[in-house]
PDB file of N, CA and C in Angstrom:
ATOM      1  N   UNK A   1       0.852  -1.166   0.000  1.00  0.00           N
ATOM      2  CA  UNK A   1       0.000   0.000   0.000  1.00  0.00           C
ATOM      3  C   UNK A   1       0.904   1.238   0.000  1.00  0.00           C
ATOM      4  N   UNK A   2       0.481   2.271  -0.739  1.00  0.00           N
ATOM      5  CA  UNK A   2       1.250   3.494  -0.835  1.00  0.00           C
ATOM      6  C   UNK A   2       0.855   4.435   0.285  1.00  0.00           C
ATOM      7  N   UNK A   3       1.833   5.014   0.945  1.00  0.00           N
ATOM      8  CA  UNK A   3       1.527   5.959   2.016  1.00  0.00           C
ATOM      9  C   UNK A   3       1.171   7.314   1.428  1.00  0.00           C
ATOM     10  N   UNK A   4       0.495   8.147   2.234  1.00  0.00           N
ATOM     11  CA  UNK A   4       0.110   9.479   1.777  1.00  0.00           C
ATOM     12  C   UNK A   4       1.322  10.305   1.387  1.00  0.00           C
ATOM     13  N   UNK A   5       2.398  10.218   2.159  1.00  0.00           N
ATOM     14  CA  UNK A   5       3.574  11.028   1.851  1.00  0.00           C
ATOM     15  C   UNK A   5       4.177  10.609   0.516  1.00  0.00           C
ATOM     16  N   UNK A   6       4.142   9.336   0.197  1.00  0.00           N
ATOM     17  CA  UNK A   6       4.649   8.866  -1.087  1.00  0.00           C
ATOM     18  C   UNK A   6       3.762   9.369  -2.217  1.00  0.00           C
ATOM     19  N   UNK A   7       2.465   9.370  -2.013  1.00  0.00           N
ATOM     20  CA  UNK A   7       1.548   9.878  -3.032  1.00  0.00           C
ATOM     21  C   UNK A   7       1.822  11.353  -3.274  1.00  0.00           C
ATOM     22  N   UNK A   8       2.013  12.128  -2.215  1.00  0.00           N
ATOM     23  CA  UNK A   8       2.292  13.559  -2.345  1.00  0.00           C
ATOM     24  C   UNK A   8       3.536  13.806  -3.201  1.00  0.00           C
ATOM     25  N   UNK A   9       4.540  12.971  -3.091  1.00  0.00           N
ATOM     26  CA  UNK A   9       5.768  13.162  -3.853  1.00  0.00           C
ATOM     27  C   UNK A   9       5.593  12.790  -5.313  1.00  0.00           C
ATOM     28  N   UNK A  10       4.697  11.879  -5.623  1.00  0.00           N
ATOM     29  CA  UNK A  10       4.555  11.378  -6.983  1.00  0.00           C
ATOM     30  C   UNK A  10       3.614  12.195  -7.847  1.00  0.00           C
ATOM     31  N   UNK A  11       2.616  12.832  -7.270  1.00  0.00           N
ATOM     32  CA  UNK A  11       1.599  13.501  -8.060  1.00  0.00           C
ATOM     33  C   UNK A  11       1.814  15.009  -8.079  1.00  0.00           C
ATOM     34  N   UNK A  12       1.606  15.643  -9.260  1.00  0.00           N
ATOM     35  CA  UNK A  12       1.784  17.089  -9.361  1.00  0.00           C
ATOM     36  C   UNK A  12       0.601  17.845  -8.764  1.00  0.00           C
ATOM     37  N   UNK A  13       0.788  19.137  -8.481  1.00  0.00           N
ATOM     38  CA  UNK A  13      -0.303  19.965  -7.992  1.00  0.00           C
ATOM     39  C   UNK A  13      -0.626  19.661  -6.536  1.00  0.00           C
ATOM     40  N   UNK A  14      -1.763  20.184  -6.099  1.00  0.00           N
ATOM     41  CA  UNK A  14      -2.222  19.943  -4.735  1.00  0.00           C
ATOM     42  C   UNK A  14      -2.825  18.550  -4.661  1.00  0.00           C
ATOM     43  N   UNK A  15      -2.634  17.888  -3.551  1.00  0.00           N
ATOM     44  CA  UNK A  15      -3.181  16.548  -3.390  1.00  0.00           C
ATOM     45  C   UNK A  15      -4.241  16.551  -2.306  1.00  0.00           C
ATOM     46  N   UNK A  16      -5.389  16.028  -2.667  1.00  0.00           N
ATOM     47  CA  UNK A  16      -6.500  15.888  -1.747  1.00  0.00           C
ATOM     48  C   UNK A  16      -6.824  14.408  -1.644  1.00  0.00           C
ATOM     49  N   UNK A  17      -7.538  14.043  -0.594  1.00  0.00           N
ATOM     50  CA  UNK A  17      -7.969  12.660  -0.415  1.00  0.00           C
ATOM     51  C   UNK A  17      -9.461  12.655  -0.221  1.00  0.00           C
ATOM     52  N   UNK A  18     -10.146  11.834  -1.010  1.00  0.00           N
ATOM     53  CA  UNK A  18     -11.596  11.720  -0.933  1.00  0.00           C
ATOM     54  C   UNK A  18     -11.935  10.329  -0.403  1.00  0.00           C
ATOM     55  N   UNK A  19     -12.695  10.311   0.678  1.00  0.00           N
ATOM     56  CA  UNK A  19     -13.153   9.055   1.271  1.00  0.00           C
ATOM     57  C   UNK A  19     -14.653   8.955   1.009  1.00  0.00           C
ATOM     58  N   UNK A  20     -15.059   7.936   0.266  1.00  0.00           N
ATOM     59  CA  UNK A  20     -16.469   7.737  -0.064  1.00  0.00           C
ATOM     60  C   UNK A  20     -17.019   6.625   0.823  1.00  0.00           C
ATOM     61  N   UNK A  21     -18.005   6.981   1.639  1.00  0.00           N
ATOM     62  CA  UNK A  21     -18.649   6.030   2.539  1.00  0.00           C
ATOM     63  C   UNK A  21     -19.915   5.510   1.874  1.00  0.00           C
ATOM     64  N   UNK A  22     -20.130   4.205   1.946  1.00  0.00           N
ATOM     65  CA  UNK A  22     -21.283   3.574   1.305  1.00  0.00           C
ATOM     66  C   UNK A  22     -22.158   2.861   2.311  1.00  0.00           C
ATOM     67  N   UNK A  23     -23.440   2.812   2.004  1.00  0.00           N
ATOM     68  CA  UNK A  23     -24.406   2.087   2.824  1.00  0.00           C
ATOM     69  C   UNK A  23     -23.998   0.609   2.864  1.00  0.00           C
ATOM     70  N   UNK A  24     -23.960   0.038   4.047  1.00  0.00           N
ATOM     71  CA  UNK A  24     -23.651  -1.380   4.186  1.00  0.00           C
ATOM     72  C   UNK A  24     -22.175  -1.692   4.325  1.00  0.00           C
ATOM     73  N   UNK A  25     -21.319  -0.660   4.377  1.00  0.00           N
ATOM     74  CA  UNK A  25     -19.883  -0.900   4.530  1.00  0.00           C
ATOM     75  C   UNK A  25     -19.318   0.064   5.572  1.00  0.00           C
ATOM     76  N   UNK A  26     -18.467  -0.459   6.441  1.00  0.00           N
ATOM     77  CA  UNK A  26     -17.817   0.369   7.449  1.00  0.00           C
ATOM     78  C   UNK A  26     -16.489   0.942   6.954  1.00  0.00           C
ATOM     79  N   UNK A  27     -16.033   0.471   5.797  1.00  0.00           N
ATOM     80  CA  UNK A  27     -14.735   0.882   5.273  1.00  0.00           C
ATOM     81  C   UNK A  27     -14.950   1.777   4.047  1.00  0.00           C
ATOM     82  N   UNK A  28     -14.449   3.016   4.087  1.00  0.00           N
ATOM     83  CA  UNK A  28     -14.641   3.907   2.940  1.00  0.00           C
ATOM     84  C   UNK A  28     -13.708   3.568   1.784  1.00  0.00           C
ATOM     85  N   UNK A  29     -14.137   3.952   0.594  1.00  0.00           N
ATOM     86  CA  UNK A  29     -13.291   3.878  -0.595  1.00  0.00           C
ATOM     87  C   UNK A  29     -12.461   5.159  -0.614  1.00  0.00           C
ATOM     88  N   UNK A  30     -11.140   5.063  -0.768  1.00  0.00           N
ATOM     89  CA  UNK A  30     -10.284   6.243  -0.754  1.00  0.00           C
ATOM     90  C   UNK A  30      -9.692   6.478  -2.130  1.00  0.00           C
ATOM     91  N   UNK A  31      -9.713   7.732  -2.553  1.00  0.00           N
ATOM     92  CA  UNK A  31      -9.073   8.131  -3.809  1.00  0.00           C
ATOM     93  C   UNK A  31      -8.166   9.318  -3.529  1.00  0.00           C
ATOM     94  N   UNK A  32      -6.947   9.277  -4.030  1.00  0.00           N
ATOM     95  CA  UNK A  32      -6.058  10.438  -3.993  1.00  0.00           C
ATOM     96  C   UNK A  32      -6.365  11.275  -5.224  1.00  0.00           C
ATOM     97  N   UNK A  33      -6.569  12.576  -5.029  1.00  0.00           N
ATOM     98  CA  UNK A  33      -6.938  13.474  -6.114  1.00  0.00           C
ATOM     99  C   UNK A  33      -5.853  14.535  -6.291  1.00  0.00           C
ATOM    100  N   UNK A  34      -5.256  14.608  -7.461  1.00  0.00           N
ATOM    101  CA  UNK A  34      -4.290  15.658  -7.773  1.00  0.00           C
ATOM    102  C   UNK A  34      -5.066  16.770  -8.478  1.00  0.00           C
ATOM    103  N   UNK A  35      -5.337  17.847  -7.754  1.00  0.00           N
ATOM    104  CA  UNK A  35      -6.147  18.950  -8.268  1.00  0.00           C
ATOM    105  C   UNK A  35      -5.444  20.267  -8.025  1.00  0.00           C
ATOM    106  N   UNK A  36      -5.794  21.260  -8.821  1.00  0.00           N
ATOM    107  CA  UNK A  36      -5.212  22.587  -8.645  1.00  0.00           C
ATOM    108  C   UNK A  36      -5.975  23.430  -7.632  1.00  0.00           C
ATOM    109  N   UNK A  37      -7.291  23.120  -7.447  1.00  0.00           N
ATOM    110  CA  UNK A  37      -8.111  23.931  -6.540  1.00  0.00           C
ATOM    111  C   UNK A  37      -9.018  23.040  -5.696  1.00  0.00           C
ATOM    112  N   UNK A  38      -9.511  23.615  -4.614  1.00  0.00           N
ATOM    113  CA  UNK A  38     -10.477  22.914  -3.769  1.00  0.00           C
ATOM    114  C   UNK A  38     -11.762  22.639  -4.546  1.00  0.00           C
ATOM    115  N   UNK A  39     -12.198  23.584  -5.362  1.00  0.00           N
ATOM    116  CA  UNK A  39     -13.410  23.395  -6.165  1.00  0.00           C
ATOM    117  C   UNK A  39     -13.303  22.204  -7.101  1.00  0.00           C
ATOM    118  N   UNK A  40     -12.155  22.043  -7.729  1.00  0.00           N
ATOM    119  CA  UNK A  40     -11.924  20.900  -8.610  1.00  0.00           C
ATOM    120  C   UNK A  40     -11.986  19.599  -7.813  1.00  0.00           C
ATOM    121  N   UNK A  41     -11.403  19.589  -6.631  1.00  0.00           N
ATOM    122  CA  UNK A  41     -11.426  18.397  -5.783  1.00  0.00           C
ATOM    123  C   UNK A  41     -12.856  18.068  -5.359  1.00  0.00           C
ATOM    124  N   UNK A  42     -13.654  19.080  -5.041  1.00  0.00           N
ATOM    125  CA  UNK A  42     -15.054  18.846  -4.666  1.00  0.00           C
ATOM    126  C   UNK A  42     -15.842  18.271  -5.842  1.00  0.00           C
ATOM    127  N   UNK A  43     -15.600  18.772  -7.046  1.00  0.00           N
ATOM    128  CA  UNK A  43     -16.282  18.214  -8.235  1.00  0.00           C
ATOM    129  C   UNK A  43     -15.922  16.742  -8.440  1.00  0.00           C
ATOM    130  N   UNK A  44     -14.635  16.409  -8.244  1.00  0.00           N
ATOM    131  CA  UNK A  44     -14.223  15.014  -8.399  1.00  0.00           C
ATOM    132  C   UNK A  44     -14.847  14.124  -7.327  1.00  0.00           C
ATOM    133  N   UNK A  45     -14.975  14.636  -6.104  1.00  0.00           N
ATOM    134  CA  UNK A  45     -15.638  13.872  -5.037  1.00  0.00           C
ATOM    135  C   UNK A  45     -17.091  13.593  -5.413  1.00  0.00           C
ATOM    136  N   UNK A  46     -17.770  14.609  -5.943  1.00  0.00           N
ATOM    137  CA  UNK A  46     -19.168  14.408  -6.365  1.00  0.00           C
ATOM    138  C   UNK A  46     -19.261  13.364  -7.479  1.00  0.00           C
ATOM    139  N   UNK A  47     -18.308  13.402  -8.407  1.00  0.00           N
ATOM    140  CA  UNK A  47     -18.287  12.408  -9.493  1.00  0.00           C
ATOM    141  C   UNK A  47     -18.082  11.005  -8.927  1.00  0.00           C
ATOM    142  N   UNK A  48     -17.162  10.872  -7.962  1.00  0.00           N
ATOM    143  CA  UNK A  48     -16.939   9.568  -7.332  1.00  0.00           C
ATOM    144  C   UNK A  48     -18.210   9.062  -6.658  1.00  0.00           C
ATOM    145  N   UNK A  49     -18.949   9.971  -6.018  1.00  0.00           N
ATOM    146  CA  UNK A  49     -20.197   9.559  -5.363  1.00  0.00           C
ATOM    147  C   UNK A  49     -21.218   9.075  -6.400  1.00  0.00           C
ATOM    148  N   UNK A  50     -21.277   9.747  -7.555  1.00  0.00           N
ATOM    149  CA  UNK A  50     -22.204   9.301  -8.610  1.00  0.00           C
ATOM    150  C   UNK A  50     -21.817   7.913  -9.120  1.00  0.00           C
ATOM    151  N   UNK A  51     -20.516   7.608  -9.126  1.00  0.00           N
ATOM    152  CA  UNK A  51     -20.038   6.311  -9.603  1.00  0.00           C
ATOM    153  C   UNK A  51     -20.280   5.195  -8.598  1.00  0.00           C
ATOM    154  N   UNK A  52     -20.466   5.531  -7.328  1.00  0.00           N
ATOM    155  CA  UNK A  52     -20.730   4.538  -6.278  1.00  0.00           C
ATOM    156  C   UNK A  52     -22.206   4.647  -5.887  1.00  0.00           C
ATOM    157  N   UNK A  53     -23.018   3.763  -6.423  1.00  0.00           N
ATOM    158  CA  UNK A  53     -24.473   3.844  -6.240  1.00  0.00           C
ATOM    159  C   UNK A  53     -24.898   3.831  -4.776  1.00  0.00           C
ATOM    160  N   UNK A  54     -24.157   3.153  -3.919  1.00  0.00           N
ATOM    161  CA  UNK A  54     -24.537   3.045  -2.511  1.00  0.00           C
ATOM    162  C   UNK A  54     -23.892   4.138  -1.640  1.00  0.00           C
ATOM    163  N   UNK A  55     -23.194   5.094  -2.269  1.00  0.00           N
ATOM    164  CA  UNK A  55     -22.496   6.129  -1.500  1.00  0.00           C
ATOM    165  C   UNK A  55     -23.474   6.977  -0.701  1.00  0.00           C
ATOM    166  N   UNK A  56     -23.121   7.227   0.552  1.00  0.00           N
ATOM    167  CA  UNK A  56     -23.959   8.063   1.412  1.00  0.00           C
ATOM    168  C   UNK A  56     -23.325   9.424   1.676  1.00  0.00           C
ATOM    169  N   UNK A  57     -21.983   9.465   1.706  1.00  0.00           N
ATOM    170  CA  UNK A  57     -21.287  10.733   1.893  1.00  0.00           C
ATOM    171  C   UNK A  57     -19.845  10.575   1.427  1.00  0.00           C
ATOM    172  N   UNK A  58     -19.213  11.718   1.183  1.00  0.00           N
ATOM    173  CA  UNK A  58     -17.784  11.748   0.869  1.00  0.00           C
ATOM    174  C   UNK A  58     -17.140  12.798   1.748  1.00  0.00           C
ATOM    175  N   UNK A  59     -15.956  12.483   2.234  1.00  0.00           N
ATOM    176  CA  UNK A  59     -15.196  13.422   3.046  1.00  0.00           C
ATOM    177  C   UNK A  59     -13.924  13.775   2.292  1.00  0.00           C
ATOM    178  N   UNK A  60     -13.644  15.072   2.189  1.00  0.00           N
ATOM    179  CA  UNK A  60     -12.502  15.563   1.439  1.00  0.00           C
ATOM    180  C   UNK A  60     -11.462  16.108   2.418  1.00  0.00           C
ATOM    181  N   UNK A  61     -10.233  15.632   2.269  1.00  0.00           N
ATOM    182  CA  UNK A  61      -9.144  16.020   3.160  1.00  0.00           C
ATOM    183  C   UNK A  61      -7.962  16.564   2.367  1.00  0.00           C
ATOM    184  N   UNK A  62      -7.238  17.471   3.005  1.00  0.00           N
ATOM    185  CA  UNK A  62      -5.916  17.882   2.572  1.00  0.00           C
ATOM    186  C   UNK A  62      -5.001  17.450   3.716  1.00  0.00           C
ATOM    187  N   UNK A  63      -4.273  16.386   3.495  1.00  0.00           N
ATOM    188  CA  UNK A  63      -3.476  15.749   4.536  1.00  0.00           C
ATOM    189  C   UNK A  63      -4.417  15.346   5.679  1.00  0.00           C
ATOM    190  N   UNK A  64      -4.250  15.879   6.875  1.00  0.00           N
ATOM    191  CA  UNK A  64      -5.128  15.509   7.991  1.00  0.00           C
ATOM    192  C   UNK A  64      -6.268  16.507   8.208  1.00  0.00           C
ATOM    193  N   UNK A  65      -6.344  17.530   7.376  1.00  0.00           N
ATOM    194  CA  UNK A  65      -7.362  18.573   7.537  1.00  0.00           C
ATOM    195  C   UNK A  65      -8.607  18.256   6.720  1.00  0.00           C
ATOM    196  N   UNK A  66      -9.727  18.070   7.410  1.00  0.00           N
ATOM    197  CA  UNK A  66     -10.987  17.827   6.704  1.00  0.00           C
ATOM    198  C   UNK A  66     -11.488  19.150   6.139  1.00  0.00           C
ATOM    199  N   UNK A  67     -11.720  19.180   4.823  1.00  0.00           N
ATOM    200  CA  UNK A  67     -12.117  20.405   4.142  1.00  0.00           C
ATOM    201  C   UNK A  67     -13.593  20.454   3.800  1.00  0.00           C
ATOM    202  N   UNK A  68     -14.196  19.289   3.577  1.00  0.00           N
ATOM    203  CA  UNK A  68     -15.603  19.266   3.177  1.00  0.00           C
ATOM    204  C   UNK A  68     -16.204  17.900   3.438  1.00  0.00           C
ATOM    205  N   UNK A  69     -17.512  17.894   3.655  1.00  0.00           N
ATOM    206  CA  UNK A  69     -18.299  16.669   3.713  1.00  0.00           C
ATOM    207  C   UNK A  69     -19.435  16.868   2.718  1.00  0.00           C
ATOM    208  N   UNK A  70     -19.560  15.938   1.791  1.00  0.00           N
ATOM    209  CA  UNK A  70     -20.583  16.017   0.749  1.00  0.00           C
ATOM    210  C   UNK A  70     -21.541  14.854   0.953  1.00  0.00           C
ATOM    211  N   UNK A  71     -22.819  15.168   1.078  1.00  0.00           N
ATOM    212  CA  UNK A  71     -23.834  14.133   1.299  1.00  0.00           C
ATOM    213  C   UNK A  71     -24.535  13.773  -0.004  1.00  0.00           C
ATOM    214  N   UNK A  72     -25.089  12.581  -0.056  1.00  0.00           N
ATOM    215  CA  UNK A  72     -25.733  12.055  -1.253  1.00  0.00           C
ATOM    216  C   UNK A  72     -26.756  13.036  -1.832  1.00  0.00           C
ATOM    217  N   UNK A  73     -27.561  13.660  -0.988  1.00  0.00           N
ATOM    218  CA  UNK A  73     -28.614  14.549  -1.504  1.00  0.00           C
ATOM    219  C   UNK A  73     -28.053  15.846  -2.099  1.00  0.00           C
ATOM    220  N   UNK A  74     -26.752  16.095  -1.946  1.00  0.00           N
ATOM    221  CA  UNK A  74     -26.110  17.267  -2.542  1.00  0.00           C
ATOM    222  C   UNK A  74     -25.535  16.949  -3.920  1.00  0.00           C
ATOM    223  N   UNK A  75     -25.562  15.691  -4.309  1.00  0.00           N
ATOM    224  CA  UNK A  75     -24.969  15.247  -5.564  1.00  0.00           C
ATOM    225  C   UNK A  75     -26.078  15.065  -6.581  1.00  0.00           C
ATOM    226  N   UNK A  76     -25.969  15.766  -7.682  1.00  0.00           N
ATOM    227  CA  UNK A  76     -26.984  15.656  -8.738  1.00  0.00           C
ATOM    228  C   UNK A  76     -26.735  14.447  -9.611  1.00  0.00           C
ATOM    229  N   UNK A  77     -27.398  14.448 -10.746  1.00  0.00           N
ATOM    230  CA  UNK A  77     -27.245  13.360 -11.716  1.00  0.00           C
ATOM    231  C   UNK A  77     -25.946  13.519 -12.492  1.00  0.00           C
ATOM    232  N   UNK A  78     -26.019  13.327 -13.782  1.00  0.00           N
ATOM    233  CA  UNK A  78     -24.835  13.406 -14.622  1.00  0.00           C
ATOM    234  C   UNK A  78     -24.267  14.818 -14.622  1.00  0.00           C
ATOM    235  N   UNK A  79     -22.955  14.896 -14.747  1.00  0.00           N
ATOM    236  CA  UNK A  79     -22.255  16.167 -14.787  1.00  0.00           C
ATOM    237  C   UNK A  79     -22.491  16.799 -16.140  1.00  0.00           C
ATOM    238  N   UNK A  80     -22.735  18.104 -16.170  1.00  0.00           N
ATOM    239  CA  UNK A  80     -22.914  18.796 -17.439  1.00  0.00           C
ATOM    240  C   UNK A  80     -21.724  19.712 -17.654  1.00  0.00           C
ATOM    241  N   UNK A  81     -21.334  19.847 -18.914  1.00  0.00           N
ATOM    242  CA  UNK A  81     -20.209  20.712 -19.267  1.00  0.00           C
ATOM    243  C   UNK A  81     -20.723  21.836 -20.148  1.00  0.00           C
ATOM    244  N   UNK A  82     -20.320  23.084 -19.898  1.00  0.00           N
ATOM    245  CA  UNK A  82     -20.788  24.218 -20.710  1.00  0.00           C
ATOM    246  C   UNK A  82     -20.297  24.158 -22.132  1.00  0.00           C
TER     247      UNK A  82
END
């Protein structure tokens, strides 16, 4: 398993961690996100929640600092691009 510090060294830009919690599981799915902004990281967390049908919430971290909690009812359907 790769440690967070190793991930930080390998990926460019700011690194965030998204933990997706699902109904029926006590263990979250974790994704390391290399993003330039917090807004970009939040969009990726929402996309991850759409991809996990049983997702109930996602928690976004920068290292040990929790930056956001996104709940299922805050996530819309498919992402639209202008």
